[in-house]
Amino acid sequence: MTAEQGHARDWWGTALTLPPAQQEVTVLILTENAATMINRLAARAALPAGAGLRIAQRRDRPSLAMEMAAAPEPADAVLRDRDAVVFLDQSAATRLAEQVLDARTDDRGSAFFLDR
């Protein structure tokens, strides 16, 4: 997908706001379960409208971290799908391209996981 003037849509209609330096991007895909869980977590944390799940590379190691955030960092890509918002730093956006973020809840709790 090519983005013009900082905005793009994938073929599902998912909105993605891009930092000015990014011209092309392949989007992380959210399942309905993941979108629902993101929305529930944002509501539980009493975050402001537009808040979402931020996925970024950890500063002290090469793994990615997830946390709820009130707003994106300046260079984050912003994915909006089914009223859920995901902020991706550049490393996360690259590493998670074409992957599917899903969520499951069972008697042991809830968790996000990635699938290709």
PDB file of N, CA and C in Angstrom:
ATOM      1  N   MET A   1       0.850  -1.156   0.000  1.00  0.00           N
ATOM      2  CA  MET A   1       0.000   0.000   0.000  1.00  0.00           C
ATOM      3  C   MET A   1       0.897   1.221   0.000  1.00  0.00           C
ATOM      4  N   THR A   2       0.568   2.199  -0.782  1.00  0.00           N
ATOM      5  CA  THR A   2       1.300   3.459  -0.786  1.00  0.00           C
ATOM      6  C   THR A   2       0.462   4.506  -0.077  1.00  0.00           C
ATOM      7  N   ALA A   3       1.116   5.285   0.748  1.00  0.00           N
ATOM      8  CA  ALA A   3       0.415   6.316   1.508  1.00  0.00           C
ATOM      9  C   ALA A   3       0.659   7.668   0.875  1.00  0.00           C
ATOM     10  N   GLU A   4      -0.367   8.472   0.810  1.00  0.00           N
ATOM     11  CA  GLU A   4      -0.236   9.828   0.316  1.00  0.00           C
ATOM     12  C   GLU A   4      -0.610  10.789   1.423  1.00  0.00           C
ATOM     13  N   GLN A   5       0.223  11.799   1.621  1.00  0.00           N
ATOM     14  CA  GLN A   5      -0.008  12.843   2.608  1.00  0.00           C
ATOM     15  C   GLN A   5      -0.259  12.280   3.997  1.00  0.00           C
ATOM     16  N   GLY A   6       0.454  11.177   4.323  1.00  0.00           N
ATOM     17  CA  GLY A   6       0.411  10.674   5.677  1.00  0.00           C
ATOM     18  C   GLY A   6      -0.755   9.786   6.045  1.00  0.00           C
ATOM     19  N   HIS A   7      -1.626   9.451   5.093  1.00  0.00           N
ATOM     20  CA  HIS A   7      -2.772   8.598   5.410  1.00  0.00           C
ATOM     21  C   HIS A   7      -2.867   7.486   4.372  1.00  0.00           C
ATOM     22  N   ALA A   8      -3.306   6.328   4.800  1.00  0.00           N
ATOM     23  CA  ALA A   8      -3.454   5.197   3.892  1.00  0.00           C
ATOM     24  C   ALA A   8      -4.592   4.321   4.383  1.00  0.00           C
ATOM     25  N   ARG A   9      -5.059   3.456   3.510  1.00  0.00           N
ATOM     26  CA  ARG A   9      -6.044   2.444   3.901  1.00  0.00           C
ATOM     27  C   ARG A   9      -5.613   1.139   3.254  1.00  0.00           C
ATOM     28  N   ASP A  10      -5.688   0.047   4.021  1.00  0.00           N
ATOM     29  CA  ASP A  10      -5.400  -1.241   3.421  1.00  0.00           C
ATOM     30  C   ASP A  10      -6.665  -1.732   2.722  1.00  0.00           C
ATOM     31  N   TRP A  11      -6.607  -2.903   2.144  1.00  0.00           N
ATOM     32  CA  TRP A  11      -7.766  -3.363   1.377  1.00  0.00           C
ATOM     33  C   TRP A  11      -8.935  -3.730   2.249  1.00  0.00           C
ATOM     34  N   TRP A  12      -8.763  -3.816   3.588  1.00  0.00           N
ATOM     35  CA  TRP A  12      -9.889  -4.022   4.507  1.00  0.00           C
ATOM     36  C   TRP A  12     -10.508  -2.692   4.913  1.00  0.00           C
ATOM     37  N   GLY A  13      -9.872  -1.576   4.535  1.00  0.00           N
ATOM     38  CA  GLY A  13     -10.374  -0.274   4.922  1.00  0.00           C
ATOM     39  C   GLY A  13      -9.808   0.218   6.233  1.00  0.00           C
ATOM     40  N   THR A  14      -8.796  -0.468   6.761  1.00  0.00           N
ATOM     41  CA  THR A  14      -8.181  -0.064   8.016  1.00  0.00           C
ATOM     42  C   THR A  14      -7.398   1.224   7.805  1.00  0.00           C
ATOM     43  N   ALA A  15      -7.639   2.213   8.635  1.00  0.00           N
ATOM     44  CA  ALA A  15      -6.946   3.494   8.509  1.00  0.00           C
ATOM     45  C   ALA A  15      -5.591   3.418   9.192  1.00  0.00           C
ATOM     46  N   LEU A  16      -4.592   3.998   8.552  1.00  0.00           N
ATOM     47  CA  LEU A  16      -3.250   4.035   9.101  1.00  0.00           C
ATOM     48  C   LEU A  16      -2.691   5.422   8.870  1.00  0.00           C
ATOM     49  N   THR A  17      -2.262   6.089   9.931  1.00  0.00           N
ATOM     50  CA  THR A  17      -1.624   7.393   9.821  1.00  0.00           C
ATOM     51  C   THR A  17      -0.136   7.183   9.942  1.00  0.00           C
ATOM     52  N   LEU A  18       0.598   7.710   8.978  1.00  0.00           N
ATOM     53  CA  LEU A  18       2.025   7.468   8.903  1.00  0.00           C
ATOM     54  C   LEU A  18       2.835   8.695   9.244  1.00  0.00           C
ATOM     55  N   PRO A  19       4.027   8.485   9.853  1.00  0.00           N
ATOM     56  CA  PRO A  19       4.936   9.607  10.025  1.00  0.00           C
ATOM     57  C   PRO A  19       5.364  10.106   8.643  1.00  0.00           C
ATOM     58  N   PRO A  20       5.746  11.378   8.500  1.00  0.00           N
ATOM     59  CA  PRO A  20       6.096  11.938   7.195  1.00  0.00           C
ATOM     60  C   PRO A  20       7.178  11.182   6.450  1.00  0.00           C
ATOM     61  N   ALA A  21       8.116  10.543   7.147  1.00  0.00           N
ATOM     62  CA  ALA A  21       9.239   9.877   6.482  1.00  0.00           C
ATOM     63  C   ALA A  21       8.849   8.560   5.827  1.00  0.00           C
ATOM     64  N   GLN A  22       7.735   7.962   6.199  1.00  0.00           N
ATOM     65  CA  GLN A  22       7.354   6.670   5.643  1.00  0.00           C
ATOM     66  C   GLN A  22       6.449   6.857   4.434  1.00  0.00           C
ATOM     67  N   GLN A  23       6.856   6.286   3.293  1.00  0.00           N
ATOM     68  CA  GLN A  23       6.074   6.407   2.071  1.00  0.00           C
ATOM     69  C   GLN A  23       5.253   5.155   1.792  1.00  0.00           C
ATOM     70  N   GLU A  24       5.790   3.981   2.123  1.00  0.00           N
ATOM     71  CA  GLU A  24       5.069   2.738   1.911  1.00  0.00           C
ATOM     72  C   GLU A  24       5.093   1.932   3.185  1.00  0.00           C
ATOM     73  N   VAL A  25       4.015   1.206   3.441  1.00  0.00           N
ATOM     74  CA  VAL A  25       3.947   0.417   4.662  1.00  0.00           C
ATOM     75  C   VAL A  25       3.050  -0.790   4.430  1.00  0.00           C
ATOM     76  N   THR A  26       3.408  -1.904   5.036  1.00  0.00           N
ATOM     77  CA  THR A  26       2.544  -3.066   5.081  1.00  0.00           C
ATOM     78  C   THR A  26       1.991  -3.118   6.498  1.00  0.00           C
ATOM     79  N   VAL A  27       0.712  -3.303   6.615  1.00  0.00           N
ATOM     80  CA  VAL A  27       0.031  -3.076   7.887  1.00  0.00           C
ATOM     81  C   VAL A  27      -0.089  -4.333   8.726  1.00  0.00           C
ATOM     82  N   LEU A  28       0.087  -4.164  10.044  1.00  0.00           N
ATOM     83  CA  LEU A  28      -0.270  -5.178  11.024  1.00  0.00           C
ATOM     84  C   LEU A  28      -1.786  -5.349  10.928  1.00  0.00           C
ATOM     85  N   ILE A  29      -2.249  -6.577  10.989  1.00  0.00           N
ATOM     86  CA  ILE A  29      -3.676  -6.869  10.887  1.00  0.00           C
ATOM     87  C   ILE A  29      -4.220  -7.191  12.279  1.00  0.00           C
ATOM     88  N   LEU A  30      -5.342  -6.593  12.642  1.00  0.00           N
ATOM     89  CA  LEU A  30      -5.995  -6.870  13.918  1.00  0.00           C
ATOM     90  C   LEU A  30      -7.183  -7.790  13.698  1.00  0.00           C
ATOM     91  N   THR A  31      -7.319  -8.794  14.554  1.00  0.00           N
ATOM     92  CA  THR A  31      -8.537  -9.597  14.530  1.00  0.00           C
ATOM     93  C   THR A  31      -9.610  -8.860  15.324  1.00  0.00           C
ATOM     94  N   GLU A  32     -10.825  -9.315  15.194  1.00  0.00           N
ATOM     95  CA  GLU A  32     -11.913  -8.720  15.976  1.00  0.00           C
ATOM     96  C   GLU A  32     -11.655  -8.887  17.475  1.00  0.00           C
ATOM     97  N   ASN A  33     -11.124 -10.055  17.879  1.00  0.00           N
ATOM     98  CA  ASN A  33     -10.816 -10.278  19.296  1.00  0.00           C
ATOM     99  C   ASN A  33      -9.766  -9.295  19.808  1.00  0.00           C
ATOM    100  N   ALA A  34      -8.733  -9.034  19.019  1.00  0.00           N
ATOM    101  CA  ALA A  34      -7.690  -8.089  19.438  1.00  0.00           C
ATOM    102  C   ALA A  34      -8.256  -6.678  19.554  1.00  0.00           C
ATOM    103  N   ALA A  35      -9.058  -6.273  18.578  1.00  0.00           N
ATOM    104  CA  ALA A  35      -9.657  -4.940  18.626  1.00  0.00           C
ATOM    105  C   ALA A  35     -10.550  -4.794  19.856  1.00  0.00           C
ATOM    106  N   THR A  36     -11.331  -5.818  20.154  1.00  0.00           N
ATOM    107  CA  THR A  36     -12.201  -5.784  21.328  1.00  0.00           C
ATOM    108  C   THR A  36     -11.386  -5.671  22.610  1.00  0.00           C
ATOM    109  N   MET A  37     -10.303  -6.443  22.707  1.00  0.00           N
ATOM    110  CA  MET A  37      -9.485  -6.397  23.915  1.00  0.00           C
ATOM    111  C   MET A  37      -8.806  -5.031  24.074  1.00  0.00           C
ATOM    112  N   ILE A  38      -8.316  -4.464  22.993  1.00  0.00           N
ATOM    113  CA  ILE A  38      -7.693  -3.131  23.058  1.00  0.00           C
ATOM    114  C   ILE A  38      -8.709  -2.116  23.571  1.00  0.00           C
ATOM    115  N   ASN A  39      -9.912  -2.154  23.032  1.00  0.00           N
ATOM    116  CA  ASN A  39     -10.950  -1.224  23.467  1.00  0.00           C
ATOM    117  C   ASN A  39     -11.309  -1.416  24.937  1.00  0.00           C
ATOM    118  N   ARG A  40     -11.386  -2.654  25.384  1.00  0.00           N
ATOM    119  CA  ARG A  40     -11.695  -2.929  26.796  1.00  0.00           C
ATOM    120  C   ARG A  40     -10.581  -2.428  27.713  1.00  0.00           C
ATOM    121  N   LEU A  41      -9.340  -2.672  27.332  1.00  0.00           N
ATOM    122  CA  LEU A  41      -8.210  -2.221  28.155  1.00  0.00           C
ATOM    123  C   LEU A  41      -8.167  -0.701  28.245  1.00  0.00           C
ATOM    124  N   ALA A  42      -8.420  -0.023  27.135  1.00  0.00           N
ATOM    125  CA  ALA A  42      -8.427   1.445  27.147  1.00  0.00           C
ATOM    126  C   ALA A  42      -9.541   1.970  28.039  1.00  0.00           C
ATOM    127  N   ALA A  43     -10.708   1.344  27.987  1.00  0.00           N
ATOM    128  CA  ALA A  43     -11.829   1.776  28.826  1.00  0.00           C
ATOM    129  C   ALA A  43     -11.535   1.523  30.305  1.00  0.00           C
ATOM    130  N   ARG A  44     -10.978   0.354  30.617  1.00  0.00           N
ATOM    131  CA  ARG A  44     -10.645   0.021  32.006  1.00  0.00           C
ATOM    132  C   ARG A  44      -9.610   0.972  32.597  1.00  0.00           C
ATOM    133  N   ALA A  45      -8.660   1.389  31.761  1.00  0.00           N
ATOM    134  CA  ALA A  45      -7.595   2.275  32.237  1.00  0.00           C
ATOM    135  C   ALA A  45      -8.044   3.734  32.263  1.00  0.00           C
ATOM    136  N   ALA A  46      -9.285   3.993  31.847  1.00  0.00           N
ATOM    137  CA  ALA A  46      -9.838   5.354  31.810  1.00  0.00           C
ATOM    138  C   ALA A  46      -8.945   6.289  31.008  1.00  0.00           C
ATOM    139  N   LEU A  47      -8.473   5.804  29.859  1.00  0.00           N
ATOM    140  CA  LEU A  47      -7.629   6.614  28.991  1.00  0.00           C
ATOM    141  C   LEU A  47      -8.491   7.530  28.130  1.00  0.00           C
ATOM    142  N   PRO A  48      -7.949   8.649  27.660  1.00  0.00           N
ATOM    143  CA  PRO A  48      -8.727   9.576  26.846  1.00  0.00           C
ATOM    144  C   PRO A  48      -9.054   8.998  25.465  1.00  0.00           C
ATOM    145  N   ALA A  49     -10.010   9.603  24.800  1.00  0.00           N
ATOM    146  CA  ALA A  49     -10.345   9.202  23.431  1.00  0.00           C
ATOM    147  C   ALA A  49      -9.083   9.263  22.586  1.00  0.00           C
ATOM    148  N   GLY A  50      -8.920   8.297  21.703  1.00  0.00           N
ATOM    149  CA  GLY A  50      -7.739   8.263  20.847  1.00  0.00           C
ATOM    150  C   GLY A  50      -6.582   7.489  21.446  1.00  0.00           C
ATOM    151  N   ALA A  51      -6.728   7.026  22.686  1.00  0.00           N
ATOM    152  CA  ALA A  51      -5.684   6.219  23.326  1.00  0.00           C
ATOM    153  C   ALA A  51      -5.661   4.841  22.690  1.00  0.00           C
ATOM    154  N   GLY A  52      -4.570   4.113  22.893  1.00  0.00           N
ATOM    155  CA  GLY A  52      -4.500   2.793  22.304  1.00  0.00           C
ATOM    156  C   GLY A  52      -3.366   1.955  22.847  1.00  0.00           C
ATOM    157  N   LEU A  53      -3.148   0.837  22.195  1.00  0.00           N
ATOM    158  CA  LEU A  53      -2.072  -0.082  22.527  1.00  0.00           C
ATOM    159  C   LEU A  53      -0.822   0.364  21.788  1.00  0.00           C
ATOM    160  N   ARG A  54       0.278   0.583  22.517  1.00  0.00           N
ATOM    161  CA  ARG A  54       1.544   0.962  21.881  1.00  0.00           C
ATOM    162  C   ARG A  54       2.461  -0.245  21.874  1.00  0.00           C
ATOM    163  N   ILE A  55       3.003  -0.545  20.694  1.00  0.00           N
ATOM    164  CA  ILE A  55       3.967  -1.627  20.543  1.00  0.00           C
ATOM    165  C   ILE A  55       5.271  -0.989  20.074  1.00  0.00           C
ATOM    166  N   ALA A  56       6.331  -1.226  20.837  1.00  0.00           N
ATOM    167  CA  ALA A  56       7.617  -0.596  20.544  1.00  0.00           C
ATOM    168  C   ALA A  56       8.755  -1.505  20.965  1.00  0.00           C
ATOM    169  N   GLN A  57       9.906  -1.294  20.342  1.00  0.00           N
ATOM    170  CA  GLN A  57      11.086  -2.044  20.744  1.00  0.00           C
ATOM    171  C   GLN A  57      11.542  -1.562  22.114  1.00  0.00           C
ATOM    172  N   ARG A  58      11.904  -2.496  22.965  1.00  0.00           N
ATOM    173  CA  ARG A  58      12.412  -2.138  24.297  1.00  0.00           C
ATOM    174  C   ARG A  58      13.768  -1.467  24.145  1.00  0.00           C
ATOM    175  N   ARG A  59      14.033  -0.525  24.997  1.00  0.00           N
ATOM    176  CA  ARG A  59      15.309   0.190  24.929  1.00  0.00           C
ATOM    177  C   ARG A  59      16.483  -0.677  25.358  1.00  0.00           C
ATOM    178  N   ASP A  60      16.245  -1.613  26.267  1.00  0.00           N
ATOM    179  CA  ASP A  60      17.335  -2.396  26.840  1.00  0.00           C
ATOM    180  C   ASP A  60      17.529  -3.775  26.203  1.00  0.00           C
ATOM    181  N   ARG A  61      16.683  -4.151  25.233  1.00  0.00           N
ATOM    182  CA  ARG A  61      16.817  -5.444  24.561  1.00  0.00           C
ATOM    183  C   ARG A  61      16.056  -5.423  23.244  1.00  0.00           C
ATOM    184  N   PRO A  62      16.301  -6.413  22.386  1.00  0.00           N
ATOM    185  CA  PRO A  62      15.688  -6.382  21.051  1.00  0.00           C
ATOM    186  C   PRO A  62      14.224  -6.806  20.988  1.00  0.00           C
ATOM    187  N   SER A  63      13.633  -7.206  22.102  1.00  0.00           N
ATOM    188  CA  SER A  63      12.237  -7.643  22.081  1.00  0.00           C
ATOM    189  C   SER A  63      11.285  -6.445  22.015  1.00  0.00           C
ATOM    190  N   LEU A  64      10.037  -6.737  21.668  1.00  0.00           N
ATOM    191  CA  LEU A  64       9.000  -5.713  21.624  1.00  0.00           C
ATOM    192  C   LEU A  64       8.220  -5.698  22.927  1.00  0.00           C
ATOM    193  N   ALA A  65       7.720  -4.524  23.282  1.00  0.00           N
ATOM    194  CA  ALA A  65       6.894  -4.372  24.477  1.00  0.00           C
ATOM    195  C   ALA A  65       5.543  -3.787  24.084  1.00  0.00           C
ATOM    196  N   MET A  66       4.510  -4.176  24.817  1.00  0.00           N
ATOM    197  CA  MET A  66       3.165  -3.643  24.609  1.00  0.00           C
ATOM    198  C   MET A  66       2.728  -2.940  25.876  1.00  0.00           C
ATOM    199  N   GLU A  67       2.103  -1.773  25.713  1.00  0.00           N
ATOM    200  CA  GLU A  67       1.534  -1.056  26.857  1.00  0.00           C
ATOM    201  C   GLU A  67       0.420  -0.156  26.349  1.00  0.00           C
ATOM    202  N   MET A  68      -0.514   0.144  27.198  1.00  0.00           N
ATOM    203  CA  MET A  68      -1.551   1.092  26.837  1.00  0.00           C
ATOM    204  C   MET A  68      -0.960   2.492  26.941  1.00  0.00           C
ATOM    205  N   ALA A  69      -1.298   3.347  25.976  1.00  0.00           N
ATOM    206  CA  ALA A  69      -0.743   4.700  25.936  1.00  0.00           C
ATOM    207  C   ALA A  69      -1.843   5.696  25.596  1.00  0.00           C
ATOM    208  N   ALA A  70      -1.753   6.870  26.188  1.00  0.00           N
ATOM    209  CA  ALA A  70      -2.747   7.917  25.947  1.00  0.00           C
ATOM    210  C   ALA A  70      -2.618   8.509  24.549  1.00  0.00           C
ATOM    211  N   ALA A  71      -1.411   8.487  23.993  1.00  0.00           N
ATOM    212  CA  ALA A  71      -1.170   9.097  22.675  1.00  0.00           C
ATOM    213  C   ALA A  71       0.070   8.464  22.053  1.00  0.00           C
ATOM    214  N   PRO A  72       0.220   8.585  20.741  1.00  0.00           N
ATOM    215  CA  PRO A  72       1.416   8.038  20.094  1.00  0.00           C
ATOM    216  C   PRO A  72       2.633   8.917  20.347  1.00  0.00           C
ATOM    217  N   GLU A  73       3.797   8.330  20.195  1.00  0.00           N
ATOM    218  CA  GLU A  73       5.032   9.100  20.165  1.00  0.00           C
ATOM    219  C   GLU A  73       5.095   9.783  18.794  1.00  0.00           C
ATOM    220  N   PRO A  74       5.875  10.856  18.651  1.00  0.00           N
ATOM    221  CA  PRO A  74       5.887  11.619  17.388  1.00  0.00           C
ATOM    222  C   PRO A  74       6.159  10.798  16.122  1.00  0.00           C
ATOM    223  N   ALA A  75       7.009   9.790  16.179  1.00  0.00           N
ATOM    224  CA  ALA A  75       7.344   9.033  14.970  1.00  0.00           C
ATOM    225  C   ALA A  75       6.531   7.752  14.812  1.00  0.00           C
ATOM    226  N   ASP A  76       5.549   7.504  15.675  1.00  0.00           N
ATOM    227  CA  ASP A  76       4.747   6.283  15.605  1.00  0.00           C
ATOM    228  C   ASP A  76       3.794   6.296  14.413  1.00  0.00           C
ATOM    229  N   ALA A  77       3.605   5.114  13.830  1.00  0.00           N
ATOM    230  CA  ALA A  77       2.510   4.903  12.892  1.00  0.00           C
ATOM    231  C   ALA A  77       1.274   4.619  13.749  1.00  0.00           C
ATOM    232  N   VAL A  78       0.116   5.062  13.298  1.00  0.00           N
ATOM    233  CA  VAL A  78      -1.116   4.883  14.065  1.00  0.00           C
ATOM    234  C   VAL A  78      -2.095   4.063  13.232  1.00  0.00           C
ATOM    235  N   LEU A  79      -2.470   2.901  13.748  1.00  0.00           N
ATOM    236  CA  LEU A  79      -3.407   1.992  13.098  1.00  0.00           C
ATOM    237  C   LEU A  79      -4.744   2.105  13.803  1.00  0.00           C
ATOM    238  N   ARG A  80      -5.818   2.345  13.039  1.00  0.00           N
ATOM    239  CA  ARG A  80      -7.170   2.417  13.597  1.00  0.00           C
ATOM    240  C   ARG A  80      -8.033   1.374  12.889  1.00  0.00           C
ATOM    241  N   ASP A  81      -8.624   0.498  13.686  1.00  0.00           N
ATOM    242  CA  ASP A  81      -9.436  -0.572  13.123  1.00  0.00           C
ATOM    243  C   ASP A  81     -10.500  -0.956  14.142  1.00  0.00           C
ATOM    244  N   ARG A  82     -11.760  -0.967  13.743  1.00  0.00           N
ATOM    245  CA  ARG A  82     -12.886  -1.318  14.627  1.00  0.00           C
ATOM    246  C   ARG A  82     -12.855  -0.512  15.921  1.00  0.00           C
ATOM    247  N   ASP A  83     -12.600   0.760  15.822  1.00  0.00           N
ATOM    248  CA  ASP A  83     -12.505   1.683  16.954  1.00  0.00           C
ATOM    249  C   ASP A  83     -11.303   1.418  17.857  1.00  0.00           C
ATOM    250  N   ALA A  84     -10.490   0.425  17.552  1.00  0.00           N
ATOM    251  CA  ALA A  84      -9.268   0.164  18.318  1.00  0.00           C
ATOM    252  C   ALA A  84      -8.124   0.954  17.688  1.00  0.00           C
ATOM    253  N   VAL A  85      -7.191   1.388  18.538  1.00  0.00           N
ATOM    254  CA  VAL A  85      -6.045   2.166  18.077  1.00  0.00           C
ATOM    255  C   VAL A  85      -4.777   1.455  18.514  1.00  0.00           C
ATOM    256  N   VAL A  86      -3.820   1.317  17.571  1.00  0.00           N
ATOM    257  CA  VAL A  86      -2.519   0.736  17.866  1.00  0.00           C
ATOM    258  C   VAL A  86      -1.455   1.719  17.399  1.00  0.00           C
ATOM    259  N   PHE A  87      -0.505   2.025  18.294  1.00  0.00           N
ATOM    260  CA  PHE A  87       0.634   2.875  17.963  1.00  0.00           C
ATOM    261  C   PHE A  87       1.837   1.952  17.769  1.00  0.00           C
ATOM    262  N   LEU A  88       2.541   2.114  16.654  1.00  0.00           N
ATOM    263  CA  LEU A  88       3.694   1.266  16.348  1.00  0.00           C
ATOM    264  C   LEU A  88       4.927   2.129  16.133  1.00  0.00           C
ATOM    265  N   ASP A  89       5.990   1.874  16.911  1.00  0.00           N
ATOM    266  CA  ASP A  89       7.219   2.588  16.600  1.00  0.00           C
ATOM    267  C   ASP A  89       7.779   1.993  15.307  1.00  0.00           C
ATOM    268  N   GLN A  90       8.785   2.617  14.739  1.00  0.00           N
ATOM    269  CA  GLN A  90       9.286   2.203  13.428  1.00  0.00           C
ATOM    270  C   GLN A  90       9.763   0.751  13.432  1.00  0.00           C
ATOM    271  N   SER A  91      10.442   0.343  14.488  1.00  0.00           N
ATOM    272  CA  SER A  91      10.930  -1.032  14.582  1.00  0.00           C
ATOM    273  C   SER A  91       9.764  -2.020  14.633  1.00  0.00           C
ATOM    274  N   ALA A  92       8.768  -1.726  15.436  1.00  0.00           N
ATOM    275  CA  ALA A  92       7.606  -2.611  15.547  1.00  0.00           C
ATOM    276  C   ALA A  92       6.834  -2.666  14.231  1.00  0.00           C
ATOM    277  N   ALA A  93       6.658  -1.531  13.586  1.00  0.00           N
ATOM    278  CA  ALA A  93       5.923  -1.505  12.318  1.00  0.00           C
ATOM    279  C   ALA A  93       6.613  -2.385  11.282  1.00  0.00           C
ATOM    280  N   THR A  94       7.939  -2.340  11.248  1.00  0.00           N
ATOM    281  CA  THR A  94       8.696  -3.150  10.300  1.00  0.00           C
ATOM    282  C   THR A  94       8.631  -4.629  10.673  1.00  0.00           C
ATOM    283  N   ARG A  95       8.845  -4.943  11.932  1.00  0.00           N
ATOM    284  CA  ARG A  95       8.874  -6.335  12.380  1.00  0.00           C
ATOM    285  C   ARG A  95       7.513  -7.011  12.324  1.00  0.00           C
ATOM    286  N   LEU A  96       6.437  -6.251  12.466  1.00  0.00           N
ATOM    287  CA  LEU A  96       5.098  -6.833  12.523  1.00  0.00           C
ATOM    288  C   LEU A  96       4.320  -6.737  11.218  1.00  0.00           C
ATOM    289  N   ALA A  97       4.949  -6.227  10.173  1.00  0.00           N
ATOM    290  CA  ALA A  97       4.277  -6.101   8.876  1.00  0.00           C
ATOM    291  C   ALA A  97       3.743  -7.463   8.434  1.00  0.00           C
ATOM    292  N   GLU A  98       2.513  -7.467   7.994  1.00  0.00           N
ATOM    293  CA  GLU A  98       1.817  -8.650   7.491  1.00  0.00           C
ATOM    294  C   GLU A  98       1.553  -9.710   8.556  1.00  0.00           C
ATOM    295  N   GLN A  99       1.737  -9.380   9.821  1.00  0.00           N
ATOM    296  CA  GLN A  99       1.390 -10.323  10.875  1.00  0.00           C
ATOM    297  C   GLN A  99      -0.006  -9.991  11.400  1.00  0.00           C
ATOM    298  N   VAL A 100      -0.582 -10.939  12.095  1.00  0.00           N
ATOM    299  CA  VAL A 100      -1.930 -10.782  12.641  1.00  0.00           C
ATOM    300  C   VAL A 100      -1.831 -10.715  14.166  1.00  0.00           C
ATOM    301  N   LEU A 101      -2.376  -9.648  14.742  1.00  0.00           N
ATOM    302  CA  LEU A 101      -2.459  -9.532  16.198  1.00  0.00           C
ATOM    303  C   LEU A 101      -3.821 -10.065  16.618  1.00  0.00           C
ATOM    304  N   ASP A 102      -3.808 -11.091  17.445  1.00  0.00           N
ATOM    305  CA  ASP A 102      -5.042 -11.707  17.922  1.00  0.00           C
ATOM    306  C   ASP A 102      -5.050 -11.674  19.445  1.00  0.00           C
ATOM    307  N   ALA A 103      -6.153 -12.013  20.041  1.00  0.00           N
ATOM    308  CA  ALA A 103      -6.273 -12.044  21.504  1.00  0.00           C
ATOM    309  C   ALA A 103      -7.187 -13.193  21.893  1.00  0.00           C
ATOM    310  N   ARG A 104      -6.895 -13.754  23.045  1.00  0.00           N
ATOM    311  CA  ARG A 104      -7.738 -14.821  23.587  1.00  0.00           C
ATOM    312  C   ARG A 104      -7.938 -14.601  25.072  1.00  0.00           C
ATOM    313  N   THR A 105      -9.105 -15.009  25.526  1.00  0.00           N
ATOM    314  CA  THR A 105      -9.422 -14.966  26.948  1.00  0.00           C
ATOM    315  C   THR A 105      -9.910 -16.349  27.352  1.00  0.00           C
ATOM    316  N   ASP A 106      -9.351 -16.848  28.458  1.00  0.00           N
ATOM    317  CA  ASP A 106      -9.825 -18.118  28.996  1.00  0.00           C
ATOM    318  C   ASP A 106      -9.829 -18.026  30.518  1.00  0.00           C
ATOM    319  N   ASP A 107     -10.001 -19.146  31.195  1.00  0.00           N
ATOM    320  CA  ASP A 107     -10.095 -19.126  32.659  1.00  0.00           C
ATOM    321  C   ASP A 107      -8.789 -18.710  33.341  1.00  0.00           C
ATOM    322  N   ARG A 108      -7.682 -18.691  32.601  1.00  0.00           N
ATOM    323  CA  ARG A 108      -6.394 -18.263  33.171  1.00  0.00           C
ATOM    324  C   ARG A 108      -6.103 -16.788  32.929  1.00  0.00           C
ATOM    325  N   GLY A 109      -6.907 -16.124  32.081  1.00  0.00           N
ATOM    326  CA  GLY A 109      -6.692 -14.711  31.801  1.00  0.00           C
ATOM    327  C   GLY A 109      -6.774 -14.397  30.321  1.00  0.00           C
ATOM    328  N   SER A 110      -6.248 -13.238  29.955  1.00  0.00           N
ATOM    329  CA  SER A 110      -6.288 -12.768  28.577  1.00  0.00           C
ATOM    330  C   SER A 110      -4.872 -12.530  28.070  1.00  0.00           C
ATOM    331  N   ALA A 111      -4.676 -12.696  26.769  1.00  0.00           N
ATOM    332  CA  ALA A 111      -3.350 -12.480  26.200  1.00  0.00           C
ATOM    333  C   ALA A 111      -3.462 -12.113  24.732  1.00  0.00           C
ATOM    334  N   PHE A 112      -2.531 -11.286  24.284  1.00  0.00           N
ATOM    335  CA  PHE A 112      -2.360 -11.004  22.861  1.00  0.00           C
ATOM    336  C   PHE A 112      -1.337 -11.996  22.324  1.00  0.00           C
ATOM    337  N   PHE A 113      -1.446 -12.339  21.046  1.00  0.00           N
ATOM    338  CA  PHE A 113      -0.418 -13.133  20.402  1.00  0.00           C
ATOM    339  C   PHE A 113      -0.380 -12.789  18.919  1.00  0.00           C
ATOM    340  N   LEU A 114       0.746 -13.093  18.299  1.00  0.00           N
ATOM    341  CA  LEU A 114       0.965 -12.789  16.892  1.00  0.00           C
ATOM    342  C   LEU A 114       0.936 -14.063  16.070  1.00  0.00           C
ATOM    343  N   ASP A 115       0.439 -13.946  14.853  1.00  0.00           N
ATOM    344  CA  ASP A 115       0.391 -15.065  13.926  1.00  0.00           C
ATOM    345  C   ASP A 115       0.679 -14.517  12.538  1.00  0.00           C
ATOM    346  N   ARG A 116       1.178 -15.325  11.675  1.00  0.00           N
ATOM    347  CA  ARG A 116       1.429 -14.909  10.289  1.00  0.00           C
ATOM    348  C   ARG A 116       0.304 -15.325   9.400  1.00  0.00           C
TER     349      ARG A 116
END
